Amino acid sequence: MFSKVLIASRGEIAVRIIRACKEMGIATVAVFSEADRDSLWVNLADESICIGPAPVQQSYLNMTAVLSAAINTGAQAIHPGYGLLSENAKFASLCEQCGLVFIGPSSALISKMGDKDEARKTMAALGVPIIPGSGVLKDPKEAEIAAEKIGYPLLIKAKAGGGGRGIRKVTESSSLSHEFEAAVREAEAYFGDGAVYLEKYLTPVNHVEMQVLCDQFGQALCLGDRECSIQRKNQKMLEESPSLTLTESMRQEMTALCTQSMKALNYTGLGTLEFLCTQDGQYYFMEMNTRLQVEHPVTEMVTGIDLVKWQLRVAAGLPLNFKQEDIKLTGCAIECRLNAENPALGFRPSSGKISLLHIPGGPWVRFDTAVFQDYIVPPYYDSLIAKLIVHAATREEAIRKMNAALCEMVIEGVDHTADLQLEILSDDDFLIGNYHTNFMESWDR
């Protein structure tokens, strides 16, 4: 096992990883920008190093600074968390070249599965159904030819995309050229890669994730599913497990496909296969995330498996000590993301000092965050400030527990989305589980 790990992330996930390391007796190194100097994860880590000013390009995305911090502190491995460098194949390769363990799959696998066009081709070759679409397109004219074959409506998607970026919906041919060029510009700006492809826009659909965990000895497990259809502009807001979309036969079939495909890829570490499920019981692979997900706590709640600890163990070369038949989904877990945004003002981001904070408690109530009273939420980063997660024996009980926890929670000083989450939880369609990825469209006014 590692004796020291550097956490190349920030916010609540950095805190989460540090806690797992402490429980395992692993020393931790935190990196931070000048804007995050007084942050919780910096104070919790055994060592901390400033790697640059507030802008992420000059700090958290500065590969040289992150690698130098790891080498200079004697860290043996780097945990990238999510976002930032977590799915950057170049960074994973540099870690390998520097003799550091990147806690995740190999750079080659990140490159293969992080390239969404390549991932689609790879999974199709392994017998996994994929959404009808095209390969990478050179220009609007080529896109028009492909669009006629696929049919409208459709999506233009960035090959290197993630986090809902680089996606454009097109309903008719007259707007295809304009949206194609806009998608290319956005992809270049966010990912440094302007390559895009087309994908059939399916609606109504549900967004279902399958969590996989694989060791270095050929064992690949599927740790159940998550329902992630409550989204705004392709950004998830609320997740639950298990998914109400899947029948038991669908769940078993998708579990088998996921484990078989991961074995065929010789995948190691944690990963998430994302699917779109249609109303006629069909499912289609959409993409794979080769990292820890924001919504991983709901899987931990229903399985009792600590995903971060197993990331560390697998990366250190330890085998999984349980099998597929040992994995049981118990009860229901729900996660509400709490963003520093004002829904009444078009989800305008909010920053400033947390003047009052009360964290809800009680049995099976979890609050993952890096904020504390008098903490100053900076304006430079993602708006996620906390995740509230609950677990109960039934979905109905879990909804009541989440309502109670949200009502008990107090965060003053910045705008946030707790009231919106309460509205979602009381919606008739949500209560009966009859919701799809377009659920938030009527709310987004």
Foldseek 3Di string as FASTA:
>chain_A
DWQEEEELDDWLQLVVLLVLCVVVNHAYEYEDAPLCCPFQSCVSHPYYYYQYHQACVRGSLPLVSSVCSCVVVVGQEYEHGDDRCLLPLVSQVVCVVVNHQYLFWHSVVSVQQLQQLSVQVLLVVLVAFAFDWWHWDDALVRQLVRCVVQDDFKWKAHRNDDQLWLIDTDGDSVCSRVSLVVSLVRCCVPPVGSIIIMGYDDPQWWKKKWKWAAAQPLAIFTLAMKTFQCDDSSHGFKIKPPAPLDDPVRRVVVRVSVRSSCSVVSGHAIKMWMWIADPVGDIHTRGMDRHDDPPCVNSCQQFVDDRSSSSVCRSVRHHDPDHRVSGGGAFMKMKGWKFLFALVVLRHHKWAFFQDWDADDDPFKDKRAGDDHRDTGDPNDGRGGIMIMGGDRYPVVNLVVLLVRLVRTDTPTTHICSVVVNVQSPDPCVVVSNDGNCRCVVVRD
